[in-house]
């Protein structure tokens, strides 16, 4: 499924940034010298990343959080821009940009270690669940006269042609060498 693949790639980018900044990844777990969270590898990563920041690291968790978010967003934008380049002749640019900027939901929490991993993890997961329950619900910005997306009825379609489905499939097949086309080639659109 395209969405699972993209989510894994986005998570890998965030995990890699945490690892590169000195965080010790717990999930996904890595051995010393293992570089598997690299994007575009056959290694899948879930949509949750758990890391420990060593005491000698000078980065604040809030700063590392911003860095991981930026890495996740950059990875998503790379795929989105690749897809847009394939289908640029049928894309509504203003709607595309707005929707691409609003895709990634990134929640984080952190707790100081008290020596009891199980207790620390439970506290952390409670904080994370609390943060997720107060999601940032942005109001829909409907546009009169623009058809709704077949994938998300709260959003407008980014496609600008009547025969869009056949055209999108044709564009994907013409561009099968790009990473974005490969990610989307099995999508039911």
C-alpha atoms as a PDB file:
ATOM      1  CA  UNK A   1       0.000   0.000   0.000  1.00  0.00           C
ATOM      2  CA  UNK A   2       1.352   3.406  -0.976  1.00  0.00           C
ATOM      3  CA  UNK A   3       0.380   5.110   2.274  1.00  0.00           C
ATOM      4  CA  UNK A   4       2.221   2.504   4.398  1.00  0.00           C
ATOM      5  CA  UNK A   5       5.336   2.812   2.250  1.00  0.00           C
ATOM      6  CA  UNK A   6       5.323   6.617   2.442  1.00  0.00           C
ATOM      7  CA  UNK A   7       4.687   6.605   6.179  1.00  0.00           C
ATOM      8  CA  UNK A   8       7.623   4.236   6.652  1.00  0.00           C
ATOM      9  CA  UNK A   9       9.899   6.438   4.523  1.00  0.00           C
ATOM     10  CA  UNK A  10       8.862   9.570   6.428  1.00  0.00           C
ATOM     11  CA  UNK A  11       9.425   7.800   9.759  1.00  0.00           C
ATOM     12  CA  UNK A  12      12.852   6.605   8.608  1.00  0.00           C
ATOM     13  CA  UNK A  13      13.856  10.179   7.804  1.00  0.00           C
ATOM     14  CA  UNK A  14      12.828  11.351  11.292  1.00  0.00           C
ATOM     15  CA  UNK A  15      14.584   8.367  12.944  1.00  0.00           C
ATOM     16  CA  UNK A  16      17.744   9.017  10.951  1.00  0.00           C
ATOM     17  CA  UNK A  17      17.778  12.666  12.042  1.00  0.00           C
ATOM     18  CA  UNK A  18      17.396  11.660  15.709  1.00  0.00           C
ATOM     19  CA  UNK A  19      20.201   9.108  15.299  1.00  0.00           C
ATOM     20  CA  UNK A  20      22.453  11.624  13.514  1.00  0.00           C
ATOM     21  CA  UNK A  21      21.916  14.171  16.286  1.00  0.00           C
ATOM     22  CA  UNK A  22      23.114  11.699  18.933  1.00  0.00           C
ATOM     23  CA  UNK A  23      19.842  10.189  20.084  1.00  0.00           C
ATOM     24  CA  UNK A  24      19.929   6.473  20.880  1.00  0.00           C
ATOM     25  CA  UNK A  25      17.138   4.841  18.897  1.00  0.00           C
ATOM     26  CA  UNK A  26      15.147   2.269  20.847  1.00  0.00           C
ATOM     27  CA  UNK A  27      12.431   1.802  18.246  1.00  0.00           C
ATOM     28  CA  UNK A  28      13.317   1.245  15.506  1.00  0.00           C
ATOM     29  CA  UNK A  29      16.204  -0.557  17.138  1.00  0.00           C
ATOM     30  CA  UNK A  30      19.622  -0.265  15.557  1.00  0.00           C
ATOM     31  CA  UNK A  31      22.960  -1.843  16.268  1.00  0.00           C
ATOM     32  CA  UNK A  32      26.077   0.321  16.321  1.00  0.00           C
ATOM     33  CA  UNK A  33      27.053   1.164  12.762  1.00  0.00           C
ATOM     34  CA  UNK A  34      23.709   0.019  11.342  1.00  0.00           C
ATOM     35  CA  UNK A  35      22.304   2.646   8.979  1.00  0.00           C
ATOM     36  CA  UNK A  36      18.943   1.031   8.222  1.00  0.00           C
ATOM     37  CA  UNK A  37      16.730   4.013   8.921  1.00  0.00           C
ATOM     38  CA  UNK A  38      18.026   5.436   5.657  1.00  0.00           C
ATOM     39  CA  UNK A  39      15.117   6.310   3.398  1.00  0.00           C
ATOM     40  CA  UNK A  40      14.505   4.214   0.295  1.00  0.00           C
ATOM     41  CA  UNK A  41      15.783   0.961   1.731  1.00  0.00           C
ATOM     42  CA  UNK A  42      13.761  -2.232   2.150  1.00  0.00           C
ATOM     43  CA  UNK A  43      13.681  -1.743   5.911  1.00  0.00           C
ATOM     44  CA  UNK A  44      10.201  -0.758   7.175  1.00  0.00           C
ATOM     45  CA  UNK A  45       9.689   1.552  10.132  1.00  0.00           C
ATOM     46  CA  UNK A  46       6.463   2.044  12.087  1.00  0.00           C
ATOM     47  CA  UNK A  47       4.948   5.445  12.640  1.00  0.00           C
ATOM     48  CA  UNK A  48       6.307   5.706  16.175  1.00  0.00           C
ATOM     49  CA  UNK A  49       9.902   6.444  17.067  1.00  0.00           C
ATOM     50  CA  UNK A  50      11.245   5.932  20.550  1.00  0.00           C
ATOM     51  CA  UNK A  51      14.677   7.268  21.487  1.00  0.00           C
ATOM     52  CA  UNK A  52      16.768   8.020  24.519  1.00  0.00           C
ATOM     53  CA  UNK A  53      18.851  11.171  24.682  1.00  0.00           C
ATOM     54  CA  UNK A  54      22.138  10.470  26.495  1.00  0.00           C
ATOM     55  CA  UNK A  55      22.913  12.787  29.402  1.00  0.00           C
ATOM     56  CA  UNK A  56      26.003  14.130  27.641  1.00  0.00           C
ATOM     57  CA  UNK A  57      23.999  15.286  24.620  1.00  0.00           C
ATOM     58  CA  UNK A  58      23.610  19.045  24.643  1.00  0.00           C
ATOM     59  CA  UNK A  59      20.449  19.147  22.513  1.00  0.00           C
ATOM     60  CA  UNK A  60      17.150  19.860  24.185  1.00  0.00           C
ATOM     61  CA  UNK A  61      14.333  17.438  23.357  1.00  0.00           C
ATOM     62  CA  UNK A  62      12.293  20.324  21.900  1.00  0.00           C
ATOM     63  CA  UNK A  63      15.112  21.173  19.467  1.00  0.00           C
ATOM     64  CA  UNK A  64      15.555  17.541  18.421  1.00  0.00           C
ATOM     65  CA  UNK A  65      11.790  17.341  17.966  1.00  0.00           C
ATOM     66  CA  UNK A  66      11.899  20.276  15.542  1.00  0.00           C
ATOM     67  CA  UNK A  67      14.817  18.708  13.656  1.00  0.00           C
ATOM     68  CA  UNK A  68      12.999  15.359  13.334  1.00  0.00           C
ATOM     69  CA  UNK A  69       9.841  17.137  12.157  1.00  0.00           C
ATOM     70  CA  UNK A  70      11.812  19.055   9.541  1.00  0.00           C
ATOM     71  CA  UNK A  71      13.415  15.813   8.283  1.00  0.00           C
ATOM     72  CA  UNK A  72      10.010  14.092   8.088  1.00  0.00           C
ATOM     73  CA  UNK A  73       8.489  17.021   6.235  1.00  0.00           C
ATOM     74  CA  UNK A  74      11.419  17.231   3.806  1.00  0.00           C
ATOM     75  CA  UNK A  75      11.097  13.516   2.979  1.00  0.00           C
ATOM     76  CA  UNK A  76       7.346  13.895   2.374  1.00  0.00           C
ATOM     77  CA  UNK A  77       7.882  16.964   0.193  1.00  0.00           C
ATOM     78  CA  UNK A  78      10.451  15.104  -1.916  1.00  0.00           C
ATOM     79  CA  UNK A  79       7.886  12.424  -2.745  1.00  0.00           C
ATOM     80  CA  UNK A  80       5.090  14.959  -3.203  1.00  0.00           C
ATOM     81  CA  UNK A  81       7.188  17.097  -5.543  1.00  0.00           C
ATOM     82  CA  UNK A  82       8.152  14.015  -7.549  1.00  0.00           C
ATOM     83  CA  UNK A  83       4.486  13.113  -7.942  1.00  0.00           C
ATOM     84  CA  UNK A  84       3.625  16.686  -8.862  1.00  0.00           C
ATOM     85  CA  UNK A  85       6.333  16.760 -11.529  1.00  0.00           C
ATOM     86  CA  UNK A  86       4.835  13.644 -13.080  1.00  0.00           C
ATOM     87  CA  UNK A  87       1.304  15.057 -13.128  1.00  0.00           C
ATOM     88  CA  UNK A  88       2.007  18.812 -13.355  1.00  0.00           C
ATOM     89  CA  UNK A  89      -0.151  19.235 -16.444  1.00  0.00           C
ATOM     90  CA  UNK A  90      -3.290  18.301 -14.498  1.00  0.00           C
ATOM     91  CA  UNK A  91      -2.545  19.739 -11.024  1.00  0.00           C
ATOM     92  CA  UNK A  92      -4.151  22.781  -9.437  1.00  0.00           C
ATOM     93  CA  UNK A  93      -1.013  24.387  -7.952  1.00  0.00           C
ATOM     94  CA  UNK A  94      -2.586  26.437  -5.148  1.00  0.00           C
ATOM     95  CA  UNK A  95      -4.648  23.530  -3.830  1.00  0.00           C
ATOM     96  CA  UNK A  96      -1.699  21.143  -4.195  1.00  0.00           C
ATOM     97  CA  UNK A  97       0.629  23.355  -2.133  1.00  0.00           C
ATOM     98  CA  UNK A  98      -1.921  23.869   0.623  1.00  0.00           C
ATOM     99  CA  UNK A  99      -2.693  20.162   0.909  1.00  0.00           C
ATOM    100  CA  UNK A 100       0.942  19.020   0.745  1.00  0.00           C
ATOM    101  CA  UNK A 101       1.783  21.413   3.586  1.00  0.00           C
ATOM    102  CA  UNK A 102      -1.039  19.952   5.703  1.00  0.00           C
ATOM    103  CA  UNK A 103      -0.344  16.200   5.420  1.00  0.00           C
ATOM    104  CA  UNK A 104       2.183  15.408   8.150  1.00  0.00           C
ATOM    105  CA  UNK A 105       0.847  15.097  11.692  1.00  0.00           C
ATOM    106  CA  UNK A 106       3.762  14.911  14.114  1.00  0.00           C
ATOM    107  CA  UNK A 107       3.241  14.421  17.842  1.00  0.00           C
ATOM    108  CA  UNK A 108       5.952  14.074  20.430  1.00  0.00           C
ATOM    109  CA  UNK A 109       6.462  13.786  24.147  1.00  0.00           C
ATOM    110  CA  UNK A 110       9.440  13.253  26.406  1.00  0.00           C
ATOM    111  CA  UNK A 111      10.117  12.390  30.020  1.00  0.00           C
ATOM    112  CA  UNK A 112      13.289  12.367  32.110  1.00  0.00           C
ATOM    113  CA  UNK A 113      14.608   8.872  32.840  1.00  0.00           C
ATOM    114  CA  UNK A 114      14.154   7.720  36.426  1.00  0.00           C
ATOM    115  CA  UNK A 115      15.873   4.363  36.038  1.00  0.00           C
ATOM    116  CA  UNK A 116      12.742   2.235  35.583  1.00  0.00           C
ATOM    117  CA  UNK A 117      12.268   1.782  31.830  1.00  0.00           C
ATOM    118  CA  UNK A 118       8.781   0.287  32.137  1.00  0.00           C
ATOM    119  CA  UNK A 119       7.531   3.130  34.309  1.00  0.00           C
ATOM    120  CA  UNK A 120       9.199   5.748  32.106  1.00  0.00           C
ATOM    121  CA  UNK A 121       7.689   4.234  28.972  1.00  0.00           C
ATOM    122  CA  UNK A 122       4.168   4.104  30.453  1.00  0.00           C
ATOM    123  CA  UNK A 123       4.419   7.744  31.484  1.00  0.00           C
ATOM    124  CA  UNK A 124       5.729   8.707  28.061  1.00  0.00           C
ATOM    125  CA  UNK A 125       2.958   6.846  26.226  1.00  0.00           C
ATOM    126  CA  UNK A 126       0.301   8.471  28.456  1.00  0.00           C
ATOM    127  CA  UNK A 127       1.713  11.900  27.624  1.00  0.00           C
ATOM    128  CA  UNK A 128       1.821  11.061  23.928  1.00  0.00           C
ATOM    129  CA  UNK A 129      -1.763   9.758  23.962  1.00  0.00           C
ATOM    130  CA  UNK A 130      -2.856  12.955  25.702  1.00  0.00           C
ATOM    131  CA  UNK A 131      -1.103  15.080  23.092  1.00  0.00           C
ATOM    132  CA  UNK A 132      -2.665  13.129  20.241  1.00  0.00           C
ATOM    133  CA  UNK A 133      -6.131  13.496  21.751  1.00  0.00           C
ATOM    134  CA  UNK A 134      -5.867  17.286  21.485  1.00  0.00           C
ATOM    135  CA  UNK A 135      -4.968  17.250  17.803  1.00  0.00           C
ATOM    136  CA  UNK A 136      -4.764  20.464  15.870  1.00  0.00           C
ATOM    137  CA  UNK A 137      -7.998  20.369  13.884  1.00  0.00           C
ATOM    138  CA  UNK A 138      -7.670  22.947  11.159  1.00  0.00           C
ATOM    139  CA  UNK A 139     -10.892  24.100   9.531  1.00  0.00           C
ATOM    140  CA  UNK A 140     -11.562  22.973   5.993  1.00  0.00           C
ATOM    141  CA  UNK A 141     -11.158  25.718   3.392  1.00  0.00           C
ATOM    142  CA  UNK A 142     -13.787  24.895   0.821  1.00  0.00           C
ATOM    143  CA  UNK A 143     -13.526  26.395  -2.636  1.00  0.00           C
ATOM    144  CA  UNK A 144     -16.734  26.983  -4.568  1.00  0.00           C
ATOM    145  CA  UNK A 145     -16.966  25.189  -7.895  1.00  0.00           C
ATOM    146  CA  UNK A 146     -14.016  22.852  -7.239  1.00  0.00           C
ATOM    147  CA  UNK A 147     -14.912  19.163  -7.055  1.00  0.00           C
ATOM    148  CA  UNK A 148     -14.142  17.278  -3.858  1.00  0.00           C
ATOM    149  CA  UNK A 149     -11.309  14.757  -3.677  1.00  0.00           C
ATOM    150  CA  UNK A 150     -12.342  11.133  -4.073  1.00  0.00           C
ATOM    151  CA  UNK A 151      -9.795  10.252  -1.365  1.00  0.00           C
ATOM    152  CA  UNK A 152     -10.823  12.820   1.265  1.00  0.00           C
ATOM    153  CA  UNK A 153     -14.233  14.446   1.089  1.00  0.00           C
ATOM    154  CA  UNK A 154     -13.136  17.343   3.310  1.00  0.00           C
ATOM    155  CA  UNK A 155     -10.646  18.490   0.672  1.00  0.00           C
ATOM    156  CA  UNK A 156     -10.885  19.658  -2.901  1.00  0.00           C
ATOM    157  CA  UNK A 157      -9.419  17.622  -5.725  1.00  0.00           C
ATOM    158  CA  UNK A 158      -5.949  18.715  -6.775  1.00  0.00           C
ATOM    159  CA  UNK A 159      -6.593  17.303 -10.249  1.00  0.00           C
ATOM    160  CA  UNK A 160      -7.742  19.759 -12.894  1.00  0.00           C
ATOM    161  CA  UNK A 161      -8.926  17.541 -15.770  1.00  0.00           C
ATOM    162  CA  UNK A 162     -12.203  15.719 -16.379  1.00  0.00           C
ATOM    163  CA  UNK A 163     -10.508  12.507 -17.505  1.00  0.00           C
ATOM    164  CA  UNK A 164      -8.068  12.708 -14.598  1.00  0.00           C
ATOM    165  CA  UNK A 165      -7.909   9.046 -13.532  1.00  0.00           C
ATOM    166  CA  UNK A 166      -6.906   7.704 -16.919  1.00  0.00           C
ATOM    167  CA  UNK A 167      -4.474  10.564 -17.385  1.00  0.00           C
ATOM    168  CA  UNK A 168      -2.852  10.032 -13.960  1.00  0.00           C
ATOM    169  CA  UNK A 169      -2.387   6.319 -14.610  1.00  0.00           C
ATOM    170  CA  UNK A 170      -0.887   7.134 -18.012  1.00  0.00           C
ATOM    171  CA  UNK A 171       1.520   9.669 -16.504  1.00  0.00           C
ATOM    172  CA  UNK A 172       2.617   7.200 -13.834  1.00  0.00           C
ATOM    173  CA  UNK A 173       3.334   4.495 -16.384  1.00  0.00           C
ATOM    174  CA  UNK A 174       5.290   6.949 -18.561  1.00  0.00           C
ATOM    175  CA  UNK A 175       7.485   7.867 -15.570  1.00  0.00           C
ATOM    176  CA  UNK A 176       8.089   4.480 -13.975  1.00  0.00           C
ATOM    177  CA  UNK A 177      11.750   5.180 -13.206  1.00  0.00           C
ATOM    178  CA  UNK A 178      11.105   7.901 -10.641  1.00  0.00           C
ATOM    179  CA  UNK A 179      10.784   7.025  -6.938  1.00  0.00           C
ATOM    180  CA  UNK A 180       7.445   8.846  -6.713  1.00  0.00           C
ATOM    181  CA  UNK A 181       6.033   6.936  -9.674  1.00  0.00           C
ATOM    182  CA  UNK A 182       7.188   3.656  -8.179  1.00  0.00           C
ATOM    183  CA  UNK A 183       5.562   4.541  -4.861  1.00  0.00           C
ATOM    184  CA  UNK A 184       2.262   5.428  -6.512  1.00  0.00           C
ATOM    185  CA  UNK A 185       2.188   2.864  -9.337  1.00  0.00           C
ATOM    186  CA  UNK A 186       0.194   0.333  -7.319  1.00  0.00           C
ATOM    187  CA  UNK A 187      -2.170   2.898  -5.837  1.00  0.00           C
ATOM    188  CA  UNK A 188      -5.863   2.524  -6.626  1.00  0.00           C
ATOM    189  CA  UNK A 189      -6.207   6.322  -6.991  1.00  0.00           C
END
